[in-house]
């Protein structure tokens, strides 16, 4: 007894193969489009990152200048307050957070050594992005 293949069973498998191929292709296209939209919103240009680092270097410069002239928390605060413009606001908004940390906990004088440790948060933002850079400023100097 020899069994013969029916042509109708062959047609069903081809139809199923074509349908599954189309479903797989459509699913892949939709998935790639969804991923593309989320990735586009997360990629930042190196220019924006460089803006954050440049701003952090400016903050670091001013903090080093103030620290080199200070011999206590009070003198640090007095020198730091000179960084305000004529409106009474600091020249950089990051200085508002730093001002809150000027105390004996963050500025320590021991045996003619001045030690300063501050947490600095620098941020740059626009409508499309927001970059934050958090680092610890440390300064140690010998008082005369």
Foldseek 3Di string as FASTA:
>chain_A
DDDDDDVVVVVVVVVVVVVVVVVVVVVVVVVVVVVVVVVVLPDDDVVQVVVQVVVVVVVLVQLVVLVVQDQALVSSLVSLQVQADPVSHHPDPQVVQVNVVSDCVQWPADPQKTKGKDWTWTWDDDPRDIDIDIDIDIDIDGHD
